[in-house]
Amino acid sequence: MNRTTKTIMQIAVAIVLMAVLSVIAYYGGSSMAKSFLSRFPDTKFPAWQALYFYLVVIVGVVSTVLLVAWHIMAHFVFSVSSPLGVSKRPTWIVLLVLTIIIALASPYAFAVFKTGLKLSIVIPLMFVALYGLVGFWGGSIFVTPDNYKYTPIGAIKIRGARKRK
């Protein structure tokens, strides 16, 4: 497989991964909402679900952009001999932390600005697990270009184990 095809495939995998995680977040959150919305008699489930859909889309798109930005930076910005004054792992960690902060804070910010969206603590934690850990961290292990494939924390154990078998 040539380099261009591999790059396109890795970006496509990142986008598909985040889309699948968004579907899981939407249906998982909708299922959880049925239990905690009973505490809010003024909130109707269809109206809540419509607002929640927008929240999932926003967090999913931002998380996807951050994952694709990591891939593009690792592929086109960083250089093996000179990292342009910025190290790769700290940049990866900053993007991971940013993804986690967005996944954790967005539901609360959205609830403040969209008053019809009532939340349980489970929703932001689910977003962190799906978008931050599985999405960005797990996704970056598999979509990071080969010359930086061991930059994400834990990648050497996962990608190194794949090569040895």
N, C-alpha and C. Protein backbone atom coordinates (compact mmCIF):
# COMPACT_ATOMS: atom_id res chain seq x y z
N MET A 1 0.86 -1.17 0.00
CA MET A 1 0.00 0.00 0.00
C MET A 1 0.90 1.23 0.00
N ASN A 2 0.62 2.15 -0.91
CA ASN A 2 1.47 3.35 -0.96
C ASN A 2 1.11 4.32 0.16
N ARG A 3 1.96 5.33 0.32
CA ARG A 3 1.85 6.24 1.45
C ARG A 3 0.54 7.05 1.43
N THR A 4 0.13 7.52 0.27
CA THR A 4 -1.09 8.32 0.16
C THR A 4 -2.31 7.49 0.52
N THR A 5 -2.38 6.28 0.00
CA THR A 5 -3.51 5.40 0.30
C THR A 5 -3.56 5.08 1.79
N LYS A 6 -2.39 4.82 2.38
CA LYS A 6 -2.35 4.50 3.81
C LYS A 6 -2.81 5.70 4.64
N THR A 7 -2.40 6.90 4.26
CA THR A 7 -2.81 8.11 4.97
C THR A 7 -4.31 8.30 4.89
N ILE A 8 -4.87 8.14 3.71
CA ILE A 8 -6.32 8.27 3.53
C ILE A 8 -7.06 7.21 4.35
N MET A 9 -6.54 6.00 4.35
CA MET A 9 -7.17 4.92 5.13
C MET A 9 -7.13 5.22 6.63
N GLN A 10 -6.00 5.73 7.11
CA GLN A 10 -5.89 6.03 8.54
C GLN A 10 -6.83 7.16 8.94
N ILE A 11 -6.96 8.18 8.12
CA ILE A 11 -7.89 9.27 8.42
C ILE A 11 -9.33 8.76 8.36
N ALA A 12 -9.63 7.91 7.38
CA ALA A 12 -10.97 7.33 7.28
C ALA A 12 -11.29 6.47 8.50
N VAL A 13 -10.31 5.70 8.97
CA VAL A 13 -10.51 4.88 10.17
C VAL A 13 -10.80 5.77 11.38
N ALA A 14 -10.08 6.89 11.50
CA ALA A 14 -10.31 7.82 12.61
C ALA A 14 -11.73 8.38 12.56
N ILE A 15 -12.17 8.77 11.38
CA ILE A 15 -13.51 9.34 11.23
C ILE A 15 -14.59 8.30 11.51
N VAL A 16 -14.41 7.10 10.98
CA VAL A 16 -15.39 6.03 11.21
C VAL A 16 -15.43 5.64 12.69
N LEU A 17 -14.26 5.55 13.32
CA LEU A 17 -14.21 5.22 14.74
C LEU A 17 -15.00 6.23 15.56
N MET A 18 -14.78 7.51 15.32
CA MET A 18 -15.49 8.54 16.08
C MET A 18 -16.98 8.55 15.75
N ALA A 19 -17.34 8.23 14.51
CA ALA A 19 -18.77 8.16 14.16
C ALA A 19 -19.44 7.01 14.91
N VAL A 20 -18.77 5.86 14.98
CA VAL A 20 -19.33 4.72 15.71
C VAL A 20 -19.43 5.05 17.20
N LEU A 21 -18.42 5.71 17.75
CA LEU A 21 -18.48 6.10 19.16
C LEU A 21 -19.60 7.11 19.42
N SER A 22 -19.86 7.97 18.45
CA SER A 22 -20.96 8.93 18.59
C SER A 22 -22.31 8.21 18.60
N VAL A 23 -22.46 7.21 17.77
CA VAL A 23 -23.70 6.43 17.78
C VAL A 23 -23.87 5.72 19.12
N ILE A 24 -22.78 5.16 19.63
CA ILE A 24 -22.83 4.50 20.94
C ILE A 24 -23.18 5.52 22.03
N ALA A 25 -22.57 6.70 21.97
CA ALA A 25 -22.85 7.75 22.97
C ALA A 25 -24.31 8.18 22.90
N TYR A 26 -24.84 8.31 21.68
CA TYR A 26 -26.22 8.76 21.54
C TYR A 26 -27.19 7.72 22.11
N TYR A 27 -27.05 6.49 21.68
CA TYR A 27 -27.99 5.46 22.15
C TYR A 27 -27.75 5.10 23.61
N GLY A 28 -26.50 5.10 24.04
CA GLY A 28 -26.20 4.83 25.45
C GLY A 28 -26.75 5.92 26.36
N GLY A 29 -26.56 7.18 25.97
CA GLY A 29 -27.08 8.30 26.75
C GLY A 29 -28.59 8.34 26.76
N SER A 30 -29.19 8.03 25.60
CA SER A 30 -30.66 8.01 25.53
C SER A 30 -31.22 6.92 26.43
N SER A 31 -30.55 5.78 26.48
CA SER A 31 -31.02 4.70 27.36
C SER A 31 -30.89 5.08 28.83
N MET A 32 -29.78 5.71 29.17
CA MET A 32 -29.57 6.14 30.56
C MET A 32 -30.55 7.24 30.96
N ALA A 33 -30.90 8.08 30.01
CA ALA A 33 -31.77 9.22 30.31
C ALA A 33 -33.15 8.78 30.79
N LYS A 34 -33.59 7.65 30.31
CA LYS A 34 -34.92 7.17 30.72
C LYS A 34 -34.99 6.96 32.23
N SER A 35 -33.85 6.64 32.85
CA SER A 35 -33.87 6.43 34.30
C SER A 35 -33.75 7.74 35.08
N PHE A 36 -32.88 8.65 34.66
CA PHE A 36 -32.69 9.86 35.46
C PHE A 36 -33.64 10.99 35.09
N LEU A 37 -34.31 10.93 33.95
CA LEU A 37 -35.25 11.99 33.59
C LEU A 37 -36.54 11.93 34.41
N SER A 38 -36.78 10.80 35.06
CA SER A 38 -37.98 10.70 35.89
C SER A 38 -37.93 11.69 37.06
N ARG A 39 -36.73 12.16 37.42
CA ARG A 39 -36.58 13.15 38.50
C ARG A 39 -36.97 14.55 38.03
N PHE A 40 -37.11 14.73 36.72
CA PHE A 40 -37.44 16.04 36.15
C PHE A 40 -38.77 15.93 35.41
N PRO A 41 -39.89 16.08 36.11
CA PRO A 41 -41.20 15.87 35.46
C PRO A 41 -41.49 16.88 34.35
N ASP A 42 -40.85 18.02 34.36
CA ASP A 42 -41.10 19.02 33.33
C ASP A 42 -40.34 18.75 32.03
N THR A 43 -39.43 17.78 32.03
CA THR A 43 -38.62 17.46 30.85
C THR A 43 -39.23 16.28 30.11
N LYS A 44 -39.53 16.49 28.85
CA LYS A 44 -40.08 15.43 28.00
C LYS A 44 -38.93 14.75 27.27
N PHE A 45 -38.98 13.43 27.19
CA PHE A 45 -37.89 12.66 26.60
C PHE A 45 -37.60 13.04 25.15
N PRO A 46 -38.59 13.18 24.25
CA PRO A 46 -38.26 13.54 22.86
C PRO A 46 -37.54 14.89 22.74
N ALA A 47 -37.94 15.87 23.57
CA ALA A 47 -37.26 17.16 23.53
C ALA A 47 -35.84 17.03 24.06
N TRP A 48 -35.66 16.26 25.13
CA TRP A 48 -34.34 16.02 25.69
C TRP A 48 -33.45 15.33 24.66
N GLN A 49 -34.02 14.33 23.99
CA GLN A 49 -33.26 13.54 23.02
C GLN A 49 -32.78 14.41 21.85
N ALA A 50 -33.59 15.36 21.41
CA ALA A 50 -33.20 16.25 20.32
C ALA A 50 -32.01 17.12 20.74
N LEU A 51 -32.05 17.67 21.95
CA LEU A 51 -30.92 18.47 22.44
C LEU A 51 -29.67 17.61 22.64
N TYR A 52 -29.87 16.41 23.15
CA TYR A 52 -28.75 15.50 23.38
C TYR A 52 -28.08 15.10 22.07
N PHE A 53 -28.87 14.95 21.02
CA PHE A 53 -28.32 14.63 19.70
C PHE A 53 -27.33 15.71 19.26
N TYR A 54 -27.69 16.97 19.43
CA TYR A 54 -26.78 18.06 19.07
C TYR A 54 -25.51 18.04 19.92
N LEU A 55 -25.66 17.74 21.18
CA LEU A 55 -24.49 17.64 22.06
C LEU A 55 -23.54 16.55 21.57
N VAL A 56 -24.08 15.38 21.25
CA VAL A 56 -23.26 14.27 20.77
C VAL A 56 -22.56 14.64 19.46
N VAL A 57 -23.28 15.30 18.57
CA VAL A 57 -22.69 15.71 17.29
C VAL A 57 -21.53 16.69 17.53
N ILE A 58 -21.74 17.68 18.39
CA ILE A 58 -20.70 18.68 18.66
C ILE A 58 -19.46 18.03 19.26
N VAL A 59 -19.64 17.23 20.29
CA VAL A 59 -18.49 16.59 20.94
C VAL A 59 -17.83 15.59 19.99
N GLY A 60 -18.62 14.87 19.22
CA GLY A 60 -18.07 13.92 18.25
C GLY A 60 -17.24 14.60 17.18
N VAL A 61 -17.73 15.69 16.65
CA VAL A 61 -17.00 16.42 15.60
C VAL A 61 -15.70 17.01 16.16
N VAL A 62 -15.77 17.63 17.33
CA VAL A 62 -14.57 18.23 17.91
C VAL A 62 -13.53 17.15 18.22
N SER A 63 -13.96 16.03 18.76
CA SER A 63 -13.04 14.93 19.07
C SER A 63 -12.42 14.36 17.79
N THR A 64 -13.22 14.26 16.75
CA THR A 64 -12.71 13.78 15.46
C THR A 64 -11.67 14.75 14.90
N VAL A 65 -11.96 16.03 14.99
CA VAL A 65 -11.01 17.04 14.49
C VAL A 65 -9.69 16.94 15.25
N LEU A 66 -9.73 16.75 16.55
CA LEU A 66 -8.50 16.64 17.33
C LEU A 66 -7.72 15.38 16.97
N LEU A 67 -8.41 14.27 16.75
CA LEU A 67 -7.73 13.03 16.36
C LEU A 67 -7.11 13.16 14.97
N VAL A 68 -7.85 13.73 14.04
CA VAL A 68 -7.32 13.93 12.68
C VAL A 68 -6.19 14.96 12.71
N ALA A 69 -6.30 15.98 13.56
CA ALA A 69 -5.23 16.96 13.69
C ALA A 69 -3.94 16.30 14.18
N TRP A 70 -4.07 15.37 15.14
CA TRP A 70 -2.89 14.63 15.59
C TRP A 70 -2.27 13.86 14.42
N HIS A 71 -3.09 13.19 13.67
CA HIS A 71 -2.58 12.41 12.53
C HIS A 71 -1.87 13.32 11.53
N ILE A 72 -2.49 14.43 11.20
CA ILE A 72 -1.91 15.36 10.23
C ILE A 72 -0.61 15.95 10.76
N MET A 73 -0.59 16.32 12.04
CA MET A 73 0.65 16.85 12.62
C MET A 73 1.75 15.81 12.61
N ALA A 74 1.41 14.58 12.98
CA ALA A 74 2.42 13.52 12.99
C ALA A 74 2.89 13.18 11.58
N HIS A 75 2.01 13.32 10.63
CA HIS A 75 2.35 12.94 9.27
C HIS A 75 3.05 14.05 8.49
N PHE A 76 2.61 15.28 8.66
CA PHE A 76 3.09 16.37 7.81
C PHE A 76 3.87 17.46 8.54
N VAL A 77 3.66 17.65 9.85
CA VAL A 77 4.28 18.77 10.55
C VAL A 77 5.59 18.34 11.22
N PHE A 78 5.54 17.26 11.98
CA PHE A 78 6.75 16.81 12.67
C PHE A 78 7.75 16.24 11.67
N SER A 79 9.01 16.34 12.03
CA SER A 79 10.06 15.75 11.22
C SER A 79 10.90 14.88 12.12
N VAL A 80 11.46 13.82 11.58
CA VAL A 80 12.23 12.89 12.39
C VAL A 80 13.47 13.56 12.96
N SER A 81 14.12 14.38 12.17
CA SER A 81 15.37 14.99 12.64
C SER A 81 15.13 16.23 13.50
N SER A 82 14.13 17.04 13.16
CA SER A 82 13.87 18.24 13.96
C SER A 82 12.38 18.41 14.16
N PRO A 83 11.93 18.29 15.40
CA PRO A 83 10.48 18.38 15.67
C PRO A 83 9.95 19.81 15.74
N LEU A 84 10.57 20.73 15.02
CA LEU A 84 10.11 22.12 14.97
C LEU A 84 10.01 22.75 16.35
N GLY A 85 10.89 22.35 17.24
CA GLY A 85 10.91 22.93 18.57
C GLY A 85 9.83 22.37 19.50
N VAL A 86 9.02 21.45 19.02
CA VAL A 86 7.95 20.87 19.83
C VAL A 86 8.10 19.37 19.81
N SER A 87 8.10 18.78 20.96
CA SER A 87 8.21 17.33 21.04
C SER A 87 6.86 16.68 20.72
N LYS A 88 6.92 15.49 20.21
CA LYS A 88 5.70 14.81 19.77
C LYS A 88 4.83 14.32 20.93
N ARG A 89 5.44 13.68 21.92
CA ARG A 89 4.63 13.14 23.01
C ARG A 89 3.92 14.22 23.81
N PRO A 90 4.56 15.32 24.19
CA PRO A 90 3.81 16.38 24.88
C PRO A 90 2.67 16.94 24.04
N THR A 91 2.88 17.04 22.74
CA THR A 91 1.79 17.51 21.86
C THR A 91 0.64 16.51 21.89
N TRP A 92 0.96 15.21 21.84
CA TRP A 92 -0.07 14.18 21.89
C TRP A 92 -0.81 14.25 23.22
N ILE A 93 -0.08 14.44 24.31
CA ILE A 93 -0.70 14.51 25.64
C ILE A 93 -1.61 15.74 25.73
N VAL A 94 -1.18 16.87 25.19
CA VAL A 94 -2.01 18.08 25.21
C VAL A 94 -3.31 17.83 24.44
N LEU A 95 -3.23 17.19 23.29
CA LEU A 95 -4.44 16.90 22.51
C LEU A 95 -5.34 15.90 23.24
N LEU A 96 -4.75 14.92 23.90
CA LEU A 96 -5.54 13.96 24.69
C LEU A 96 -6.25 14.67 25.84
N VAL A 97 -5.53 15.49 26.58
CA VAL A 97 -6.13 16.21 27.71
C VAL A 97 -7.20 17.17 27.21
N LEU A 98 -6.95 17.83 26.10
CA LEU A 98 -7.95 18.73 25.52
C LEU A 98 -9.21 17.97 25.13
N THR A 99 -9.05 16.79 24.55
CA THR A 99 -10.21 15.96 24.20
C THR A 99 -10.98 15.56 25.44
N ILE A 100 -10.27 15.17 26.50
CA ILE A 100 -10.93 14.76 27.75
C ILE A 100 -11.65 15.94 28.38
N ILE A 101 -11.02 17.12 28.40
CA ILE A 101 -11.66 18.31 28.98
C ILE A 101 -12.92 18.67 28.20
N ILE A 102 -12.84 18.63 26.88
CA ILE A 102 -14.01 18.94 26.05
C ILE A 102 -15.11 17.92 26.29
N ALA A 103 -14.74 16.65 26.37
CA ALA A 103 -15.74 15.60 26.61
C ALA A 103 -16.38 15.74 27.98
N LEU A 104 -15.64 16.19 28.95
CA LEU A 104 -16.16 16.34 30.31
C LEU A 104 -16.95 17.63 30.49
N ALA A 105 -16.47 18.72 29.92
CA ALA A 105 -17.08 20.03 30.16
C ALA A 105 -18.24 20.34 29.21
N SER A 106 -18.20 19.82 28.01
CA SER A 106 -19.24 20.15 27.02
C SER A 106 -20.65 19.83 27.47
N PRO A 107 -20.89 18.66 28.07
CA PRO A 107 -22.26 18.40 28.52
C PRO A 107 -22.76 19.44 29.52
N TYR A 108 -21.89 19.86 30.44
CA TYR A 108 -22.30 20.86 31.42
C TYR A 108 -22.51 22.23 30.78
N ALA A 109 -21.61 22.61 29.89
CA ALA A 109 -21.76 23.89 29.19
C ALA A 109 -23.02 23.88 28.33
N PHE A 110 -23.27 22.78 27.67
CA PHE A 110 -24.45 22.67 26.83
C PHE A 110 -25.72 22.74 27.67
N ALA A 111 -25.68 22.12 28.85
CA ALA A 111 -26.85 22.14 29.75
C ALA A 111 -27.12 23.55 30.26
N VAL A 112 -26.07 24.34 30.45
CA VAL A 112 -26.26 25.71 30.93
C VAL A 112 -26.91 26.56 29.84
N PHE A 113 -26.44 26.40 28.60
CA PHE A 113 -26.95 27.23 27.50
C PHE A 113 -28.25 26.70 26.92
N LYS A 114 -28.47 25.41 27.00
CA LYS A 114 -29.73 24.80 26.54
C LYS A 114 -30.44 24.26 27.77
N THR A 115 -31.32 25.04 28.32
CA THR A 115 -31.89 24.72 29.62
C THR A 115 -32.75 23.46 29.63
N GLY A 116 -33.14 22.95 28.49
CA GLY A 116 -33.95 21.74 28.47
C GLY A 116 -33.16 20.46 28.62
N LEU A 117 -31.84 20.57 28.65
CA LEU A 117 -31.00 19.38 28.73
C LEU A 117 -30.60 19.12 30.18
N LYS A 118 -31.23 18.13 30.78
CA LYS A 118 -30.88 17.71 32.14
C LYS A 118 -29.89 16.56 32.01
N LEU A 119 -28.93 16.52 32.93
CA LEU A 119 -27.87 15.53 32.83
C LEU A 119 -27.67 14.77 34.12
N SER A 120 -27.12 13.59 33.96
CA SER A 120 -26.61 12.81 35.07
C SER A 120 -25.09 12.84 34.94
N ILE A 121 -24.38 12.59 36.02
CA ILE A 121 -22.92 12.56 35.98
C ILE A 121 -22.42 11.46 35.04
N VAL A 122 -23.26 10.49 34.77
CA VAL A 122 -22.87 9.37 33.92
C VAL A 122 -22.61 9.82 32.48
N ILE A 123 -23.33 10.80 31.99
CA ILE A 123 -23.18 11.27 30.60
C ILE A 123 -21.78 11.84 30.37
N PRO A 124 -21.30 12.80 31.15
CA PRO A 124 -19.94 13.30 30.92
C PRO A 124 -18.87 12.21 31.09
N LEU A 125 -19.06 11.32 32.07
CA LEU A 125 -18.09 10.24 32.25
C LEU A 125 -18.09 9.30 31.06
N MET A 126 -19.27 9.04 30.49
CA MET A 126 -19.35 8.21 29.29
C MET A 126 -18.65 8.90 28.12
N PHE A 127 -18.82 10.22 28.01
CA PHE A 127 -18.14 10.97 26.95
C PHE A 127 -16.62 10.88 27.10
N VAL A 128 -16.13 11.00 28.33
CA VAL A 128 -14.68 10.89 28.56
C VAL A 128 -14.19 9.50 28.15
N ALA A 129 -14.92 8.47 28.57
CA ALA A 129 -14.51 7.10 28.23
C ALA A 129 -14.55 6.86 26.72
N LEU A 130 -15.62 7.30 26.08
CA LEU A 130 -15.76 7.04 24.65
C LEU A 130 -14.86 7.93 23.80
N TYR A 131 -14.96 9.23 23.98
CA TYR A 131 -14.23 10.15 23.10
C TYR A 131 -12.77 10.34 23.52
N GLY A 132 -12.52 10.42 24.82
CA GLY A 132 -11.15 10.65 25.28
C GLY A 132 -10.30 9.40 25.27
N LEU A 133 -10.80 8.35 25.92
CA LEU A 133 -9.98 7.15 26.08
C LEU A 133 -10.06 6.23 24.86
N VAL A 134 -11.24 5.78 24.51
CA VAL A 134 -11.36 4.88 23.36
C VAL A 134 -11.10 5.64 22.06
N GLY A 135 -11.71 6.82 21.93
CA GLY A 135 -11.61 7.57 20.69
C GLY A 135 -10.24 8.14 20.42
N PHE A 136 -9.80 9.09 21.25
CA PHE A 136 -8.51 9.73 20.96
C PHE A 136 -7.34 8.83 21.30
N TRP A 137 -7.31 8.33 22.54
CA TRP A 137 -6.15 7.54 22.95
C TRP A 137 -6.07 6.24 22.15
N GLY A 138 -7.13 5.46 22.18
CA GLY A 138 -7.12 4.20 21.44
C GLY A 138 -6.99 4.40 19.94
N GLY A 139 -7.72 5.39 19.43
CA GLY A 139 -7.66 5.66 18.00
C GLY A 139 -6.30 6.12 17.55
N SER A 140 -5.65 6.96 18.35
CA SER A 140 -4.34 7.46 17.95
C SER A 140 -3.28 6.36 17.94
N ILE A 141 -3.48 5.33 18.71
CA ILE A 141 -2.53 4.21 18.69
C ILE A 141 -2.52 3.56 17.30
N PHE A 142 -3.69 3.50 16.67
CA PHE A 142 -3.78 2.80 15.40
C PHE A 142 -3.72 3.71 14.18
N VAL A 143 -3.96 5.00 14.32
CA VAL A 143 -3.92 5.88 13.15
C VAL A 143 -2.70 6.79 13.10
N THR A 144 -1.81 6.67 14.07
CA THR A 144 -0.57 7.45 14.02
C THR A 144 0.31 6.89 12.92
N PRO A 145 0.88 7.76 12.10
CA PRO A 145 1.77 7.28 11.03
C PRO A 145 2.92 6.43 11.59
N ASP A 146 3.43 5.54 10.77
CA ASP A 146 4.44 4.57 11.22
C ASP A 146 5.69 5.19 11.82
N ASN A 147 6.13 6.34 11.32
CA ASN A 147 7.36 6.91 11.86
C ASN A 147 7.19 7.45 13.28
N TYR A 148 5.95 7.60 13.76
CA TYR A 148 5.69 8.03 15.13
C TYR A 148 4.74 7.07 15.84
N LYS A 149 4.69 5.84 15.40
CA LYS A 149 3.69 4.90 15.91
C LYS A 149 3.81 4.59 17.39
N TYR A 150 4.96 4.84 18.00
CA TYR A 150 5.11 4.57 19.42
C TYR A 150 4.97 5.83 20.27
N THR A 151 4.58 6.95 19.69
CA THR A 151 4.41 8.20 20.45
C THR A 151 3.26 8.12 21.45
N PRO A 152 2.06 7.64 21.07
CA PRO A 152 0.98 7.56 22.07
C PRO A 152 1.37 6.62 23.22
N ILE A 153 1.05 7.03 24.43
CA ILE A 153 1.39 6.22 25.61
C ILE A 153 0.70 4.86 25.50
N GLY A 154 1.45 3.81 25.69
CA GLY A 154 0.92 2.45 25.61
C GLY A 154 1.00 1.85 24.22
N ALA A 155 1.36 2.63 23.22
CA ALA A 155 1.39 2.13 21.84
C ALA A 155 2.46 1.07 21.64
N ILE A 156 3.56 1.19 22.36
CA ILE A 156 4.65 0.23 22.17
C ILE A 156 4.21 -1.17 22.61
N LYS A 157 3.35 -1.23 23.63
CA LYS A 157 2.87 -2.54 24.08
C LYS A 157 1.87 -3.12 23.09
N ILE A 158 1.03 -2.28 22.53
CA ILE A 158 0.00 -2.77 21.62
C ILE A 158 0.55 -2.98 20.21
N ARG A 159 1.18 -1.97 19.65
CA ARG A 159 1.71 -2.10 18.29
C ARG A 159 2.94 -2.98 18.24
N GLY A 160 3.74 -2.96 19.31
CA GLY A 160 4.91 -3.83 19.37
C GLY A 160 4.49 -5.28 19.46
N ALA A 161 3.42 -5.56 20.20
CA ALA A 161 2.93 -6.94 20.34
C ALA A 161 2.36 -7.45 19.02
N ARG A 162 1.77 -6.57 18.25
CA ARG A 162 1.21 -6.99 16.95
C ARG A 162 2.34 -7.42 16.01
N LYS A 163 3.46 -6.74 16.05
CA LYS A 163 4.58 -7.03 15.15
C LYS A 163 5.27 -8.34 15.51
N ARG A 164 5.33 -8.68 16.79
CA ARG A 164 6.06 -9.86 17.22
C ARG A 164 5.35 -11.15 16.89
N LYS A 165 4.06 -11.10 16.71
CA LYS A 165 3.30 -12.34 16.48
C LYS A 165 3.43 -12.81 15.07
